[in-house]
Amino acid sequence: MRLSELKAVLGKQPFEPFRIRLSNGDEYVIRHPEFALLTKTSVFVGLPSRREGITDHAVQVDLLHVVTIEPANGTRRSPRKK
């Protein structure tokens, strides 16, 4: 996944929650743009706690392993470019 593609989805107004799927089958839903922090090669995804709007911890995902970006409702949005 290119950094610019993920940056565009995070910056979309109004924001639309989306899911990222990884090459190992894992997936993460990003429900608010503040729950994702981009670096040049990865994205840190804040994982929600039981308290709404608060994260317990974050996972670091290498952009090379992001296969697709999809709206949170499941409709496919962007295939991985080779």
N, C-alpha and C. Protein backbone atom coordinates (compact mmCIF):
# COMPACT_ATOMS: atom_id res chain seq x y z
N MET A 1 0.85 -1.17 0.00
CA MET A 1 0.00 0.00 0.00
C MET A 1 0.89 1.23 0.00
N ARG A 2 0.53 2.20 -0.78
CA ARG A 2 1.29 3.44 -0.80
C ARG A 2 0.84 4.36 0.32
N LEU A 3 1.78 5.06 0.90
CA LEU A 3 1.49 6.00 1.97
C LEU A 3 0.46 7.03 1.52
N SER A 4 0.59 7.51 0.29
CA SER A 4 -0.33 8.54 -0.22
C SER A 4 -1.78 8.04 -0.27
N GLU A 5 -1.98 6.76 -0.56
CA GLU A 5 -3.34 6.21 -0.61
C GLU A 5 -3.98 6.20 0.77
N LEU A 6 -3.22 5.76 1.75
CA LEU A 6 -3.75 5.71 3.11
C LEU A 6 -3.96 7.12 3.66
N LYS A 7 -3.06 8.01 3.32
CA LYS A 7 -3.18 9.41 3.75
C LYS A 7 -4.45 10.04 3.18
N ALA A 8 -4.75 9.74 1.93
CA ALA A 8 -5.96 10.28 1.29
C ALA A 8 -7.23 9.78 1.98
N VAL A 9 -7.27 8.50 2.33
CA VAL A 9 -8.44 7.93 3.00
C VAL A 9 -8.60 8.55 4.40
N LEU A 10 -7.50 8.74 5.10
CA LEU A 10 -7.56 9.34 6.43
C LEU A 10 -7.97 10.81 6.39
N GLY A 11 -7.64 11.50 5.30
CA GLY A 11 -7.94 12.92 5.19
C GLY A 11 -9.27 13.24 4.54
N LYS A 12 -9.99 12.23 4.11
CA LYS A 12 -11.27 12.45 3.43
C LYS A 12 -12.26 13.15 4.35
N GLN A 13 -12.96 14.14 3.80
CA GLN A 13 -13.98 14.88 4.54
C GLN A 13 -15.33 14.72 3.87
N PRO A 14 -16.37 14.28 4.53
CA PRO A 14 -16.32 13.81 5.90
C PRO A 14 -15.62 12.45 5.98
N PHE A 15 -15.03 12.18 7.11
CA PHE A 15 -14.31 10.93 7.32
C PHE A 15 -15.27 9.75 7.26
N GLU A 16 -14.84 8.69 6.60
CA GLU A 16 -15.62 7.45 6.54
C GLU A 16 -14.79 6.33 7.16
N PRO A 17 -15.31 5.68 8.21
CA PRO A 17 -14.56 4.57 8.82
C PRO A 17 -14.19 3.52 7.77
N PHE A 18 -13.01 2.93 7.93
CA PHE A 18 -12.55 1.95 6.95
C PHE A 18 -11.79 0.82 7.64
N ARG A 19 -11.63 -0.25 6.90
CA ARG A 19 -10.93 -1.45 7.38
C ARG A 19 -9.68 -1.62 6.52
N ILE A 20 -8.56 -1.98 7.16
CA ILE A 20 -7.38 -2.38 6.40
C ILE A 20 -7.21 -3.88 6.60
N ARG A 21 -6.95 -4.58 5.51
CA ARG A 21 -6.69 -6.02 5.54
C ARG A 21 -5.22 -6.24 5.23
N LEU A 22 -4.63 -7.18 5.97
CA LEU A 22 -3.21 -7.44 5.83
C LEU A 22 -2.95 -8.75 5.11
N SER A 23 -1.73 -8.92 4.65
CA SER A 23 -1.36 -10.12 3.90
C SER A 23 -1.49 -11.39 4.73
N ASN A 24 -1.44 -11.30 6.05
CA ASN A 24 -1.57 -12.49 6.90
C ASN A 24 -3.03 -12.77 7.30
N GLY A 25 -3.97 -11.97 6.78
CA GLY A 25 -5.38 -12.16 7.07
C GLY A 25 -5.93 -11.30 8.19
N ASP A 26 -5.05 -10.67 8.97
CA ASP A 26 -5.52 -9.77 10.02
C ASP A 26 -6.22 -8.56 9.40
N GLU A 27 -7.09 -7.95 10.17
CA GLU A 27 -7.75 -6.73 9.71
C GLU A 27 -7.99 -5.82 10.90
N TYR A 28 -7.99 -4.52 10.63
CA TYR A 28 -8.23 -3.52 11.66
C TYR A 28 -9.19 -2.48 11.11
N VAL A 29 -10.15 -2.08 11.94
CA VAL A 29 -11.11 -1.05 11.55
C VAL A 29 -10.66 0.26 12.17
N ILE A 30 -10.58 1.28 11.35
CA ILE A 30 -10.22 2.62 11.81
C ILE A 30 -11.49 3.45 11.77
N ARG A 31 -12.03 3.73 12.94
CA ARG A 31 -13.32 4.42 13.07
C ARG A 31 -13.19 5.93 13.18
N HIS A 32 -11.97 6.41 13.41
CA HIS A 32 -11.74 7.85 13.53
C HIS A 32 -10.30 8.11 13.07
N PRO A 33 -10.05 9.20 12.36
CA PRO A 33 -8.69 9.44 11.85
C PRO A 33 -7.65 9.59 12.95
N GLU A 34 -8.05 9.95 14.15
CA GLU A 34 -7.09 10.07 15.25
C GLU A 34 -6.64 8.71 15.78
N PHE A 35 -7.28 7.63 15.30
CA PHE A 35 -6.87 6.28 15.71
C PHE A 35 -5.84 5.69 14.76
N ALA A 36 -5.27 6.50 13.87
CA ALA A 36 -4.22 6.03 12.96
C ALA A 36 -3.12 7.08 12.89
N LEU A 37 -1.89 6.63 13.04
CA LEU A 37 -0.73 7.50 12.95
C LEU A 37 0.18 6.95 11.86
N LEU A 38 0.42 7.76 10.84
CA LEU A 38 1.24 7.33 9.70
C LEU A 38 2.70 7.70 9.89
N THR A 39 3.57 6.79 9.46
CA THR A 39 4.99 7.09 9.30
C THR A 39 5.32 6.78 7.84
N LYS A 40 6.56 6.92 7.44
CA LYS A 40 6.92 6.66 6.04
C LYS A 40 6.66 5.23 5.61
N THR A 41 6.81 4.29 6.54
CA THR A 41 6.73 2.88 6.17
C THR A 41 5.66 2.09 6.90
N SER A 42 4.97 2.72 7.83
CA SER A 42 3.98 1.98 8.61
C SER A 42 2.84 2.87 9.09
N VAL A 43 1.85 2.21 9.65
CA VAL A 43 0.73 2.91 10.29
C VAL A 43 0.55 2.29 11.67
N PHE A 44 0.42 3.13 12.68
CA PHE A 44 0.11 2.68 14.02
C PHE A 44 -1.41 2.80 14.16
N VAL A 45 -2.05 1.69 14.49
CA VAL A 45 -3.51 1.65 14.60
C VAL A 45 -3.88 1.56 16.07
N GLY A 46 -4.61 2.57 16.56
CA GLY A 46 -5.09 2.56 17.93
C GLY A 46 -6.25 1.60 18.05
N LEU A 47 -6.16 0.70 19.02
CA LEU A 47 -7.22 -0.30 19.22
C LEU A 47 -8.13 0.18 20.34
N PRO A 48 -9.44 0.17 20.10
CA PRO A 48 -10.37 0.73 21.08
C PRO A 48 -10.47 -0.11 22.34
N SER A 49 -10.74 0.58 23.43
CA SER A 49 -11.00 -0.10 24.69
C SER A 49 -12.51 -0.17 24.88
N ARG A 50 -12.92 -0.59 26.05
CA ARG A 50 -14.36 -0.64 26.33
C ARG A 50 -14.95 0.75 26.50
N ARG A 51 -14.11 1.72 26.84
CA ARG A 51 -14.57 3.11 26.95
C ARG A 51 -14.54 3.74 25.57
N GLU A 52 -15.63 4.26 25.13
CA GLU A 52 -15.76 4.85 23.79
C GLU A 52 -14.76 5.99 23.59
N GLY A 53 -14.04 5.97 22.46
CA GLY A 53 -13.13 7.04 22.12
C GLY A 53 -11.76 6.98 22.77
N ILE A 54 -11.47 5.92 23.51
CA ILE A 54 -10.19 5.76 24.19
C ILE A 54 -9.50 4.52 23.63
N THR A 55 -8.19 4.61 23.40
CA THR A 55 -7.46 3.43 22.94
C THR A 55 -6.72 2.78 24.11
N ASP A 56 -6.68 1.46 24.11
CA ASP A 56 -5.92 0.70 25.10
C ASP A 56 -4.47 0.61 24.70
N HIS A 57 -4.25 0.31 23.42
CA HIS A 57 -2.91 0.15 22.90
C HIS A 57 -2.96 0.29 21.38
N ALA A 58 -1.80 0.23 20.76
CA ALA A 58 -1.73 0.37 19.31
C ALA A 58 -0.88 -0.76 18.74
N VAL A 59 -1.15 -1.08 17.48
CA VAL A 59 -0.32 -2.04 16.75
C VAL A 59 0.36 -1.31 15.60
N GLN A 60 1.57 -1.70 15.31
CA GLN A 60 2.29 -1.14 14.18
C GLN A 60 2.13 -2.08 12.99
N VAL A 61 1.67 -1.53 11.88
CA VAL A 61 1.44 -2.31 10.66
C VAL A 61 2.34 -1.76 9.57
N ASP A 62 3.17 -2.63 9.00
CA ASP A 62 4.02 -2.23 7.88
C ASP A 62 3.15 -2.05 6.64
N LEU A 63 3.31 -0.93 5.95
CA LEU A 63 2.49 -0.64 4.78
C LEU A 63 2.64 -1.70 3.68
N LEU A 64 3.77 -2.40 3.65
CA LEU A 64 3.96 -3.45 2.65
C LEU A 64 2.98 -4.61 2.84
N HIS A 65 2.42 -4.75 4.04
CA HIS A 65 1.51 -5.85 4.33
C HIS A 65 0.04 -5.48 4.20
N VAL A 66 -0.25 -4.21 3.91
CA VAL A 66 -1.64 -3.80 3.71
C VAL A 66 -2.06 -4.22 2.30
N VAL A 67 -3.04 -5.11 2.23
CA VAL A 67 -3.49 -5.65 0.96
C VAL A 67 -4.65 -4.83 0.39
N THR A 68 -5.63 -4.49 1.24
CA THR A 68 -6.77 -3.69 0.78
C THR A 68 -7.19 -2.68 1.83
N ILE A 69 -7.86 -1.65 1.35
CA ILE A 69 -8.57 -0.69 2.19
C ILE A 69 -10.02 -0.81 1.78
N GLU A 70 -10.91 -0.99 2.76
CA GLU A 70 -12.33 -1.15 2.47
C GLU A 70 -13.14 -0.27 3.40
N PRO A 71 -14.28 0.22 2.96
CA PRO A 71 -15.17 0.89 3.90
C PRO A 71 -15.51 -0.09 5.02
N ALA A 72 -15.78 0.41 6.20
CA ALA A 72 -16.05 -0.45 7.35
C ALA A 72 -17.26 -1.35 7.12
N ASN A 73 -18.13 -1.00 6.16
CA ASN A 73 -19.30 -1.86 5.87
C ASN A 73 -18.94 -3.06 5.01
N GLY A 74 -17.68 -3.16 4.54
CA GLY A 74 -17.22 -4.35 3.84
C GLY A 74 -17.09 -4.25 2.34
N THR A 75 -17.55 -3.18 1.70
CA THR A 75 -17.42 -3.03 0.26
C THR A 75 -15.96 -2.76 -0.09
N ARG A 76 -15.43 -3.52 -1.02
CA ARG A 76 -14.01 -3.39 -1.38
C ARG A 76 -13.74 -2.04 -2.01
N ARG A 77 -12.62 -1.40 -1.59
CA ARG A 77 -12.29 -0.08 -2.08
C ARG A 77 -11.02 -0.06 -2.93
N SER A 78 -9.91 -0.61 -2.45
CA SER A 78 -8.63 -0.40 -3.11
C SER A 78 -7.77 -1.65 -3.05
N PRO A 79 -7.51 -2.31 -4.20
CA PRO A 79 -6.63 -3.47 -4.18
C PRO A 79 -5.18 -3.04 -4.04
N ARG A 80 -4.35 -3.96 -3.57
CA ARG A 80 -2.92 -3.68 -3.45
C ARG A 80 -2.32 -3.53 -4.83
N LYS A 81 -1.49 -2.53 -5.01
CA LYS A 81 -0.82 -2.31 -6.29
C LYS A 81 0.53 -3.00 -6.26
N LYS A 82 0.84 -3.71 -7.35
CA LYS A 82 2.12 -4.42 -7.43
C LYS A 82 3.08 -3.68 -8.29
